Amino acid sequence: ELLELKPYYLYRQKNMAGNLENVGYARAGKECLYNI
């Protein structure tokens, strides 16, 4: 947030530490289209 990067994609996997997630943050216009 301080870097002005917004969350634009996320996914989860088995056996993740803390049962959490993977999140991609990006500046507007710099998001990875392929990831989505």
PDB file of all heavy atoms in Angstrom:
ATOM      1  N   GLU A   1       0.831  -1.209   0.000  1.00  0.00           N
ATOM      2  CA  GLU A   1       0.000   0.000   0.000  1.00  0.00           C
ATOM      3  C   GLU A   1       0.867   1.261   0.000  1.00  0.00           C
ATOM      4  O   GLU A   1       0.575   2.226  -0.721  1.00  0.00           O
ATOM      5  CB  GLU A   1      -0.920  -0.018   1.222  1.00  0.00           C
ATOM      6  CG  GLU A   1      -1.898   1.144   1.272  1.00  0.00           C
ATOM      7  CD  GLU A   1      -2.797   1.082   2.488  1.00  0.00           C
ATOM      8  OE1 GLU A   1      -2.745   0.090   3.232  1.00  0.00           O
ATOM      9  OE2 GLU A   1      -3.564   2.048   2.701  1.00  0.00           O
ATOM     10  N   LEU A   2       1.928   1.270   0.788  1.00  0.00           N
ATOM     11  CA  LEU A   2       2.830   2.424   0.816  1.00  0.00           C
ATOM     12  C   LEU A   2       3.475   2.660  -0.548  1.00  0.00           C
ATOM     13  O   LEU A   2       3.747   3.810  -0.928  1.00  0.00           O
ATOM     14  CB  LEU A   2       3.928   2.214   1.865  1.00  0.00           C
ATOM     15  CG  LEU A   2       3.504   2.237   3.338  1.00  0.00           C
ATOM     16  CD1 LEU A   2       4.702   1.952   4.228  1.00  0.00           C
ATOM     17  CD2 LEU A   2       2.868   3.573   3.711  1.00  0.00           C
ATOM     18  N   LEU A   3       3.714   1.588  -1.279  1.00  0.00           N
ATOM     19  CA  LEU A   3       4.328   1.684  -2.606  1.00  0.00           C
ATOM     20  C   LEU A   3       3.299   1.919  -3.701  1.00  0.00           C
ATOM     21  O   LEU A   3       3.652   1.938  -4.891  1.00  0.00           O
ATOM     22  CB  LEU A   3       5.112   0.407  -2.909  1.00  0.00           C
ATOM     23  CG  LEU A   3       6.342   0.133  -2.027  1.00  0.00           C
ATOM     24  CD1 LEU A   3       6.923  -1.239  -2.319  1.00  0.00           C
ATOM     25  CD2 LEU A   3       7.402   1.216  -2.245  1.00  0.00           C
ATOM     26  N   GLU A   4       2.028   2.075  -3.302  1.00  0.00           N
ATOM     27  CA  GLU A   4       0.924   2.293  -4.240  1.00  0.00           C
ATOM     28  C   GLU A   4       0.753   1.096  -5.186  1.00  0.00           C
ATOM     29  O   GLU A   4       0.446   1.238  -6.371  1.00  0.00           O
ATOM     30  CB  GLU A   4       1.113   3.585  -5.031  1.00  0.00           C
ATOM     31  CG  GLU A   4       1.151   4.826  -4.138  1.00  0.00           C
ATOM     32  CD  GLU A   4       1.298   6.108  -4.936  1.00  0.00           C
ATOM     33  OE1 GLU A   4       1.972   6.083  -5.991  1.00  0.00           O
ATOM     34  OE2 GLU A   4       0.735   7.127  -4.511  1.00  0.00           O
ATOM     35  N   LEU A   5       0.968  -0.097  -4.642  1.00  0.00           N
ATOM     36  CA  LEU A   5       0.747  -1.337  -5.370  1.00  0.00           C
ATOM     37  C   LEU A   5      -0.567  -1.946  -4.882  1.00  0.00           C
ATOM     38  O   LEU A   5      -0.756  -2.152  -3.689  1.00  0.00           O
ATOM     39  CB  LEU A   5       1.893  -2.325  -5.142  1.00  0.00           C
ATOM     40  CG  LEU A   5       3.329  -1.818  -5.351  1.00  0.00           C
ATOM     41  CD1 LEU A   5       4.331  -2.926  -5.048  1.00  0.00           C
ATOM     42  CD2 LEU A   5       3.524  -1.298  -6.763  1.00  0.00           C
ATOM     43  N   LYS A   6      -1.471  -2.243  -5.814  1.00  0.00           N
ATOM     44  CA  LYS A   6      -2.782  -2.784  -5.465  1.00  0.00           C
ATOM     45  C   LYS A   6      -2.814  -4.292  -5.725  1.00  0.00           C
ATOM     46  O   LYS A   6      -2.220  -4.780  -6.694  1.00  0.00           O
ATOM     47  CB  LYS A   6      -3.871  -2.111  -6.301  1.00  0.00           C
ATOM     48  CG  LYS A   6      -3.938  -0.593  -6.150  1.00  0.00           C
ATOM     49  CD  LYS A   6      -4.377  -0.198  -4.756  1.00  0.00           C
ATOM     50  CE  LYS A   6      -4.555   1.321  -4.653  1.00  0.00           C
ATOM     51  NZ  LYS A   6      -4.914   1.729  -3.272  1.00  0.00           N
ATOM     52  N   PRO A   7      -3.536  -5.045  -4.884  1.00  0.00           N
ATOM     53  CA  PRO A   7      -3.646  -6.487  -5.133  1.00  0.00           C
ATOM     54  C   PRO A   7      -4.436  -6.757  -6.410  1.00  0.00           C
ATOM     55  O   PRO A   7      -5.499  -6.186  -6.623  1.00  0.00           O
ATOM     56  CB  PRO A   7      -4.378  -7.006  -3.894  1.00  0.00           C
ATOM     57  CG  PRO A   7      -5.139  -5.826  -3.370  1.00  0.00           C
ATOM     58  CD  PRO A   7      -4.306  -4.630  -3.699  1.00  0.00           C
ATOM     59  N   TYR A   8      -3.902  -7.622  -7.276  1.00  0.00           N
ATOM     60  CA  TYR A   8      -4.592  -7.875  -8.547  1.00  0.00           C
ATOM     61  C   TYR A   8      -4.779  -9.360  -8.867  1.00  0.00           C
ATOM     62  O   TYR A   8      -5.531  -9.703  -9.775  1.00  0.00           O
ATOM     63  CB  TYR A   8      -3.849  -7.179  -9.693  1.00  0.00           C
ATOM     64  CG  TYR A   8      -2.581  -7.870 -10.131  1.00  0.00           C
ATOM     65  CD1 TYR A   8      -2.579  -8.765 -11.209  1.00  0.00           C
ATOM     66  CD2 TYR A   8      -1.370  -7.633  -9.477  1.00  0.00           C
ATOM     67  CE1 TYR A   8      -1.418  -9.394 -11.607  1.00  0.00           C
ATOM     68  CE2 TYR A   8      -0.197  -8.257  -9.878  1.00  0.00           C
ATOM     69  CZ  TYR A   8      -0.228  -9.138 -10.946  1.00  0.00           C
ATOM     70  OH  TYR A   8       0.924  -9.768 -11.332  1.00  0.00           O
ATOM     71  N   TYR A   9      -4.080 -10.249  -8.170  1.00  0.00           N
ATOM     72  CA  TYR A   9      -4.386 -11.675  -8.329  1.00  0.00           C
ATOM     73  C   TYR A   9      -3.919 -12.421  -7.095  1.00  0.00           C
ATOM     74  O   TYR A   9      -3.033 -11.956  -6.361  1.00  0.00           O
ATOM     75  CB  TYR A   9      -3.758 -12.244  -9.612  1.00  0.00           C
ATOM     76  CG  TYR A   9      -2.402 -12.888  -9.498  1.00  0.00           C
ATOM     77  CD1 TYR A   9      -2.246 -14.258  -9.687  1.00  0.00           C
ATOM     78  CD2 TYR A   9      -1.256 -12.130  -9.236  1.00  0.00           C
ATOM     79  CE1 TYR A   9      -0.989 -14.849  -9.615  1.00  0.00           C
ATOM     80  CE2 TYR A   9       0.003 -12.716  -9.165  1.00  0.00           C
ATOM     81  CZ  TYR A   9       0.128 -14.078  -9.351  1.00  0.00           C
ATOM     82  OH  TYR A   9       1.357 -14.673  -9.276  1.00  0.00           O
ATOM     83  N   LEU A  10      -4.566 -13.547  -6.840  1.00  0.00           N
ATOM     84  CA  LEU A  10      -4.146 -14.382  -5.709  1.00  0.00           C
ATOM     85  C   LEU A  10      -4.477 -15.827  -5.997  1.00  0.00           C
ATOM     86  O   LEU A  10      -5.362 -16.144  -6.794  1.00  0.00           O
ATOM     87  CB  LEU A  10      -4.767 -13.911  -4.392  1.00  0.00           C
ATOM     88  CG  LEU A  10      -6.228 -14.200  -4.043  1.00  0.00           C
ATOM     89  CD1 LEU A  10      -6.398 -15.585  -3.421  1.00  0.00           C
ATOM     90  CD2 LEU A  10      -6.763 -13.168  -3.069  1.00  0.00           C
ATOM     91  N   TYR A  11      -3.747 -16.688  -5.353  1.00  0.00           N
ATOM     92  CA  TYR A  11      -4.053 -18.109  -5.416  1.00  0.00           C
ATOM     93  C   TYR A  11      -3.527 -18.774  -4.156  1.00  0.00           C
ATOM     94  O   TYR A  11      -2.736 -18.190  -3.400  1.00  0.00           O
ATOM     95  CB  TYR A  11      -3.458 -18.774  -6.670  1.00  0.00           C
ATOM     96  CG  TYR A  11      -1.954 -18.817  -6.743  1.00  0.00           C
ATOM     97  CD1 TYR A  11      -1.243 -19.976  -6.445  1.00  0.00           C
ATOM     98  CD2 TYR A  11      -1.226 -17.698  -7.147  1.00  0.00           C
ATOM     99  CE1 TYR A  11       0.133 -20.026  -6.524  1.00  0.00           C
ATOM    100  CE2 TYR A  11       0.157 -17.737  -7.243  1.00  0.00           C
ATOM    101  CZ  TYR A  11       0.830 -18.897  -6.927  1.00  0.00           C
ATOM    102  OH  TYR A  11       2.201 -18.941  -7.019  1.00  0.00           O
ATOM    103  N   ARG A  12      -4.001 -19.963  -3.902  1.00  0.00           N
ATOM    104  CA  ARG A  12      -3.597 -20.715  -2.726  1.00  0.00           C
ATOM    105  C   ARG A  12      -3.048 -22.068  -3.173  1.00  0.00           C
ATOM    106  O   ARG A  12      -3.284 -22.516  -4.292  1.00  0.00           O
ATOM    107  CB  ARG A  12      -4.780 -20.897  -1.771  1.00  0.00           C
ATOM    108  CG  ARG A  12      -5.420 -19.571  -1.369  1.00  0.00           C
ATOM    109  CD  ARG A  12      -6.578 -19.762  -0.408  1.00  0.00           C
ATOM    110  NE  ARG A  12      -6.088 -20.165   0.897  1.00  0.00           N
ATOM    111  CZ  ARG A  12      -6.581 -21.171   1.614  1.00  0.00           C
ATOM    112  NH1 ARG A  12      -7.584 -21.890   1.149  1.00  0.00           N
ATOM    113  NH2 ARG A  12      -6.080 -21.473   2.788  1.00  0.00           N
ATOM    114  N   GLN A  13      -2.299 -22.717  -2.285  1.00  0.00           N
ATOM    115  CA  GLN A  13      -1.729 -24.033  -2.566  1.00  0.00           C
ATOM    116  C   GLN A  13      -1.901 -24.937  -1.352  1.00  0.00           C
ATOM    117  O   GLN A  13      -2.192 -24.461  -0.249  1.00  0.00           O
ATOM    118  CB  GLN A  13      -0.226 -23.898  -2.877  1.00  0.00           C
ATOM    119  CG  GLN A  13       0.088 -23.100  -4.120  1.00  0.00           C
ATOM    120  CD  GLN A  13       1.570 -22.796  -4.224  1.00  0.00           C
ATOM    121  OE1 GLN A  13       2.049 -21.828  -3.658  1.00  0.00           O
ATOM    122  NE2 GLN A  13       2.301 -23.625  -4.969  1.00  0.00           N
ATOM    123  N   LYS A  14      -1.705 -26.210  -1.570  1.00  0.00           N
ATOM    124  CA  LYS A  14      -1.728 -27.148  -0.457  1.00  0.00           C
ATOM    125  C   LYS A  14      -0.510 -26.911   0.433  1.00  0.00           C
ATOM    126  O   LYS A  14       0.543 -26.501  -0.025  1.00  0.00           O
ATOM    127  CB  LYS A  14      -1.720 -28.593  -0.972  1.00  0.00           C
ATOM    128  CG  LYS A  14      -2.982 -28.991  -1.729  1.00  0.00           C
ATOM    129  CD  LYS A  14      -2.890 -30.429  -2.189  1.00  0.00           C
ATOM    130  CE  LYS A  14      -4.151 -30.842  -2.934  1.00  0.00           C
ATOM    131  NZ  LYS A  14      -4.067 -32.245  -3.405  1.00  0.00           N
ATOM    132  N   ASN A  15      -0.688 -27.196   1.696  1.00  0.00           N
ATOM    133  CA  ASN A  15       0.412 -27.135   2.672  1.00  0.00           C
ATOM    134  C   ASN A  15       1.048 -25.749   2.770  1.00  0.00           C
ATOM    135  O   ASN A  15       2.259 -25.616   2.978  1.00  0.00           O
ATOM    136  CB  ASN A  15       1.502 -28.171   2.328  1.00  0.00           C
ATOM    137  CG  ASN A  15       0.942 -29.570   2.213  1.00  0.00           C
ATOM    138  OD1 ASN A  15       0.089 -29.977   2.999  1.00  0.00           O
ATOM    139  ND2 ASN A  15       1.404 -30.317   1.231  1.00  0.00           N
ATOM    140  N   MET A  16       0.233 -24.712   2.640  1.00  0.00           N
ATOM    141  CA  MET A  16       0.768 -23.356   2.739  1.00  0.00           C
ATOM    142  C   MET A  16       0.997 -22.986   4.196  1.00  0.00           C
ATOM    143  O   MET A  16       0.171 -23.275   5.061  1.00  0.00           O
ATOM    144  CB  MET A  16      -0.188 -22.333   2.117  1.00  0.00           C
ATOM    145  CG  MET A  16      -0.379 -22.484   0.634  1.00  0.00           C
ATOM    146  SD  MET A  16      -1.238 -21.077  -0.090  1.00  0.00           S
ATOM    147  CE  MET A  16       0.125 -19.950  -0.283  1.00  0.00           C
ATOM    148  N   ALA A  17       2.127 -22.331   4.451  1.00  0.00           N
ATOM    149  CA  ALA A  17       2.422 -21.878   5.806  1.00  0.00           C
ATOM    150  C   ALA A  17       1.321 -20.949   6.290  1.00  0.00           C
ATOM    151  O   ALA A  17       0.943 -20.002   5.611  1.00  0.00           O
ATOM    152  CB  ALA A  17       3.765 -21.144   5.829  1.00  0.00           C
ATOM    153  N   GLY A  18       0.786 -21.253   7.470  1.00  0.00           N
ATOM    154  CA  GLY A  18      -0.246 -20.411   8.059  1.00  0.00           C
ATOM    155  C   GLY A  18      -1.592 -20.522   7.386  1.00  0.00           C
ATOM    156  O   GLY A  18      -2.523 -19.765   7.716  1.00  0.00           O
ATOM    157  N   ASN A  19      -1.738 -21.437   6.409  1.00  0.00           N
ATOM    158  CA  ASN A  19      -2.993 -21.596   5.674  1.00  0.00           C
ATOM    159  C   ASN A  19      -3.403 -20.277   5.024  1.00  0.00           C
ATOM    160  O   ASN A  19      -4.573 -19.900   5.036  1.00  0.00           O
ATOM    161  CB  ASN A  19      -4.107 -22.111   6.599  1.00  0.00           C
ATOM    162  CG  ASN A  19      -5.314 -22.601   5.816  1.00  0.00           C
ATOM    163  OD1 ASN A  19      -5.166 -23.288   4.810  1.00  0.00           O
ATOM    164  ND2 ASN A  19      -6.498 -22.227   6.253  1.00  0.00           N
ATOM    165  N   LEU A  20      -2.435 -19.581   4.458  1.00  0.00           N
ATOM    166  CA  LEU A  20      -2.691 -18.249   3.915  1.00  0.00           C
ATOM    167  C   LEU A  20      -2.795 -18.289   2.390  1.00  0.00           C
ATOM    168  O   LEU A  20      -3.529 -19.096   1.850  1.00  0.00           O
ATOM    169  CB  LEU A  20      -1.625 -17.272   4.410  1.00  0.00           C
ATOM    170  CG  LEU A  20      -1.725 -16.975   5.918  1.00  0.00           C
ATOM    171  CD1 LEU A  20      -0.504 -16.212   6.396  1.00  0.00           C
ATOM    172  CD2 LEU A  20      -2.993 -16.198   6.234  1.00  0.00           C
ATOM    173  N   GLU A  21      -2.075 -17.422   1.698  1.00  0.00           N
ATOM    174  CA  GLU A  21      -2.270 -17.255   0.258  1.00  0.00           C
ATOM    175  C   GLU A  21      -1.034 -16.642  -0.385  1.00  0.00           C
ATOM    176  O   GLU A  21      -0.119 -16.194   0.309  1.00  0.00           O
ATOM    177  CB  GLU A  21      -3.482 -16.354  -0.020  1.00  0.00           C
ATOM    178  CG  GLU A  21      -3.321 -14.898   0.387  1.00  0.00           C
ATOM    179  CD  GLU A  21      -3.613 -14.611   1.844  1.00  0.00           C
ATOM    180  OE1 GLU A  21      -4.205 -15.459   2.535  1.00  0.00           O
ATOM    181  OE2 GLU A  21      -3.220 -13.516   2.293  1.00  0.00           O
ATOM    182  N   ASN A  22      -1.012 -16.640  -1.700  1.00  0.00           N
ATOM    183  CA  ASN A  22      -0.040 -15.890  -2.482  1.00  0.00           C
ATOM    184  C   ASN A  22      -0.774 -14.725  -3.136  1.00  0.00           C
ATOM    185  O   ASN A  22      -1.832 -14.920  -3.735  1.00  0.00           O
ATOM    186  CB  ASN A  22       0.586 -16.762  -3.581  1.00  0.00           C
ATOM    187  CG  ASN A  22       1.272 -17.993  -3.029  1.00  0.00           C
ATOM    188  OD1 ASN A  22       1.835 -17.966  -1.943  1.00  0.00           O
ATOM    189  ND2 ASN A  22       1.218 -19.090  -3.773  1.00  0.00           N
ATOM    190  N   VAL A  23      -0.212 -13.525  -3.028  1.00  0.00           N
ATOM    191  CA  VAL A  23      -0.881 -12.337  -3.561  1.00  0.00           C
ATOM    192  C   VAL A  23       0.081 -11.550  -4.443  1.00  0.00           C
ATOM    193  O   VAL A  23       1.241 -11.332  -4.078  1.00  0.00           O
ATOM    194  CB  VAL A  23      -1.376 -11.402  -2.432  1.00  0.00           C
ATOM    195  CG1 VAL A  23      -2.194 -10.249  -3.019  1.00  0.00           C
ATOM    196  CG2 VAL A  23      -2.197 -12.153  -1.407  1.00  0.00           C
ATOM    197  N   GLY A  24      -0.407 -11.135  -5.600  1.00  0.00           N
ATOM    198  CA  GLY A  24       0.351 -10.256  -6.470  1.00  0.00           C
ATOM    199  C   GLY A  24      -0.161  -8.834  -6.330  1.00  0.00           C
ATOM    200  O   GLY A  24      -1.361  -8.581  -6.443  1.00  0.00           O
ATOM    201  N   TYR A  25       0.755  -7.904  -6.070  1.00  0.00           N
ATOM    202  CA  TYR A  25       0.435  -6.481  -5.982  1.00  0.00           C
ATOM    203  C   TYR A  25       1.131  -5.769  -7.136  1.00  0.00           C
ATOM    204  O   TYR A  25       2.260  -6.120  -7.497  1.00  0.00           O
ATOM    205  CB  TYR A  25       0.934  -5.881  -4.667  1.00  0.00           C
ATOM    206  CG  TYR A  25       0.371  -6.511  -3.416  1.00  0.00           C
ATOM    207  CD1 TYR A  25       0.998  -7.611  -2.818  1.00  0.00           C
ATOM    208  CD2 TYR A  25      -0.778  -6.000  -2.811  1.00  0.00           C
ATOM    209  CE1 TYR A  25       0.496  -8.174  -1.659  1.00  0.00           C
ATOM    210  CE2 TYR A  25      -1.285  -6.560  -1.651  1.00  0.00           C
ATOM    211  CZ  TYR A  25      -0.649  -7.651  -1.080  1.00  0.00           C
ATOM    212  OH  TYR A  25      -1.141  -8.207   0.072  1.00  0.00           O
ATOM    213  N   ALA A  26       0.500  -4.753  -7.708  1.00  0.00           N
ATOM    214  CA  ALA A  26       1.125  -4.042  -8.818  1.00  0.00           C
ATOM    215  C   ALA A  26       0.651  -2.597  -8.885  1.00  0.00           C
ATOM    216  O   ALA A  26      -0.454  -2.258  -8.440  1.00  0.00           O
ATOM    217  CB  ALA A  26       0.828  -4.741 -10.145  1.00  0.00           C
ATOM    218  N   ARG A  27       1.511  -1.764  -9.464  1.00  0.00           N
ATOM    219  CA  ARG A  27       1.141  -0.393  -9.772  1.00  0.00           C
ATOM    220  C   ARG A  27       0.157  -0.422 -10.936  1.00  0.00           C
ATOM    221  O   ARG A  27       0.220  -1.311 -11.798  1.00  0.00           O
ATOM    222  CB  ARG A  27       2.396   0.399 -10.127  1.00  0.00           C
ATOM    223  CG  ARG A  27       2.242   1.896 -10.167  1.00  0.00           C
ATOM    224  CD  ARG A  27       3.585   2.602 -10.147  1.00  0.00           C
ATOM    225  NE  ARG A  27       4.185   2.495  -8.801  1.00  0.00           N
ATOM    226  CZ  ARG A  27       5.299   1.835  -8.539  1.00  0.00           C
ATOM    227  NH1 ARG A  27       5.924   1.196  -9.503  1.00  0.00           N
ATOM    228  NH2 ARG A  27       5.781   1.802  -7.317  1.00  0.00           N
ATOM    229  N   ALA A  28      -0.750   0.525 -11.002  1.00  0.00           N
ATOM    230  CA  ALA A  28      -1.751   0.565 -12.060  1.00  0.00           C
ATOM    231  C   ALA A  28      -1.085   0.532 -13.431  1.00  0.00           C
ATOM    232  O   ALA A  28      -0.165   1.303 -13.710  1.00  0.00           O
ATOM    233  CB  ALA A  28      -2.610   1.821 -11.920  1.00  0.00           C
ATOM    234  N   GLY A  29      -1.519  -0.388 -14.281  1.00  0.00           N
ATOM    235  CA  GLY A  29      -0.960  -0.537 -15.615  1.00  0.00           C
ATOM    236  C   GLY A  29       0.216  -1.484 -15.692  1.00  0.00           C
ATOM    237  O   GLY A  29       0.685  -1.805 -16.793  1.00  0.00           O
ATOM    238  N   LYS A  30       0.711  -1.960 -14.557  1.00  0.00           N
ATOM    239  CA  LYS A  30       1.869  -2.847 -14.529  1.00  0.00           C
ATOM    240  C   LYS A  30       1.489  -4.272 -14.101  1.00  0.00           C
ATOM    241  O   LYS A  30       2.360  -5.104 -13.860  1.00  0.00           O
ATOM    242  CB  LYS A  30       2.943  -2.304 -13.579  1.00  0.00           C
ATOM    243  CG  LYS A  30       3.428  -0.896 -13.913  1.00  0.00           C
ATOM    244  CD  LYS A  30       4.143  -0.848 -15.256  1.00  0.00           C
ATOM    245  CE  LYS A  30       4.720   0.546 -15.504  1.00  0.00           C
ATOM    246  NZ  LYS A  30       5.438   0.621 -16.792  1.00  0.00           N
ATOM    247  N   GLU A  31       0.217  -4.554 -13.995  1.00  0.00           N
ATOM    248  CA  GLU A  31      -0.221  -5.888 -13.585  1.00  0.00           C
ATOM    249  C   GLU A  31       0.153  -6.914 -14.660  1.00  0.00           C
ATOM    250  O   GLU A  31       0.194  -6.600 -15.848  1.00  0.00           O
ATOM    251  CB  GLU A  31      -1.735  -5.921 -13.372  1.00  0.00           C
ATOM    252  CG  GLU A  31      -2.252  -4.918 -12.365  1.00  0.00           C
ATOM    253  CD  GLU A  31      -2.631  -3.574 -12.965  1.00  0.00           C
ATOM    254  OE1 GLU A  31      -2.319  -3.359 -14.165  1.00  0.00           O
ATOM    255  OE2 GLU A  31      -3.236  -2.741 -12.261  1.00  0.00           O
ATOM    256  N   CYS A  32       0.394  -8.141 -14.246  1.00  0.00           N
ATOM    257  CA  CYS A  32       0.720  -9.219 -15.188  1.00  0.00           C
ATOM    258  C   CYS A  32      -0.576  -9.832 -15.710  1.00  0.00           C
ATOM    259  O   CYS A  32      -1.291 -10.525 -14.976  1.00  0.00           O
ATOM    260  CB  CYS A  32       1.577 -10.285 -14.507  1.00  0.00           C
ATOM    261  SG  CYS A  32       2.038 -11.640 -15.609  1.00  0.00           S
ATOM    262  N   LEU A  33      -0.889  -9.558 -16.981  1.00  0.00           N
ATOM    263  CA  LEU A  33      -2.111 -10.084 -17.582  1.00  0.00           C
ATOM    264  C   LEU A  33      -2.117 -11.605 -17.583  1.00  0.00           C
ATOM    265  O   LEU A  33      -3.137 -12.237 -17.304  1.00  0.00           O
ATOM    266  CB  LEU A  33      -2.247  -9.559 -19.016  1.00  0.00           C
ATOM    267  CG  LEU A  33      -2.375  -8.045 -19.185  1.00  0.00           C
ATOM    268  CD1 LEU A  33      -2.277  -7.676 -20.656  1.00  0.00           C
ATOM    269  CD2 LEU A  33      -3.682  -7.545 -18.594  1.00  0.00           C
ATOM    270  N   TYR A  34      -0.963 -12.188 -17.897  1.00  0.00           N
ATOM    271  CA  TYR A  34      -0.880 -13.650 -17.948  1.00  0.00           C
ATOM    272  C   TYR A  34      -1.291 -14.272 -16.621  1.00  0.00           C
ATOM    273  O   TYR A  34      -2.007 -15.277 -16.588  1.00  0.00           O
ATOM    274  CB  TYR A  34       0.538 -14.086 -18.318  1.00  0.00           C
ATOM    275  CG  TYR A  34       0.748 -15.581 -18.169  1.00  0.00           C
ATOM    276  CD1 TYR A  34       0.420 -16.449 -19.205  1.00  0.00           C
ATOM    277  CD2 TYR A  34       1.246 -16.127 -16.986  1.00  0.00           C
ATOM    278  CE1 TYR A  34       0.586 -17.827 -19.061  1.00  0.00           C
ATOM    279  CE2 TYR A  34       1.415 -17.486 -16.839  1.00  0.00           C
ATOM    280  CZ  TYR A  34       1.080 -18.335 -17.877  1.00  0.00           C
ATOM    281  OH  TYR A  34       1.225 -19.693 -17.727  1.00  0.00           O
ATOM    282  N   ASN A  35      -0.837 -13.697 -15.512  1.00  0.00           N
ATOM    283  CA  ASN A  35      -1.167 -14.262 -14.201  1.00  0.00           C
ATOM    284  C   ASN A  35      -2.668 -14.357 -13.997  1.00  0.00           C
ATOM    285  O   ASN A  35      -3.181 -15.351 -13.470  1.00  0.00           O
ATOM    286  CB  ASN A  35      -0.538 -13.417 -13.087  1.00  0.00           C
ATOM    287  CG  ASN A  35       0.939 -13.687 -12.910  1.00  0.00           C
ATOM    288  OD1 ASN A  35       1.443 -14.723 -13.327  1.00  0.00           O
ATOM    289  ND2 ASN A  35       1.650 -12.748 -12.308  1.00  0.00           N
ATOM    290  N   ILE A  36      -3.391 -13.327 -14.384  1.00  0.00           N
ATOM    291  CA  ILE A  36      -4.849 -13.335 -14.222  1.00  0.00           C
ATOM    292  C   ILE A  36      -5.476 -14.339 -15.178  1.00  0.00           C
ATOM    293  O   ILE A  36      -6.326 -15.156 -14.787  1.00  0.00           O
ATOM    294  CB  ILE A  36      -5.434 -11.937 -14.475  1.00  0.00           C
ATOM    295  CG1 ILE A  36      -4.866 -10.923 -13.489  1.00  0.00           C
ATOM    296  CG2 ILE A  36      -6.959 -11.965 -14.378  1.00  0.00           C
ATOM    297  CD1 ILE A  36      -5.270  -9.485 -13.771  1.00  0.00           C
TER     298      ILE A  36
END
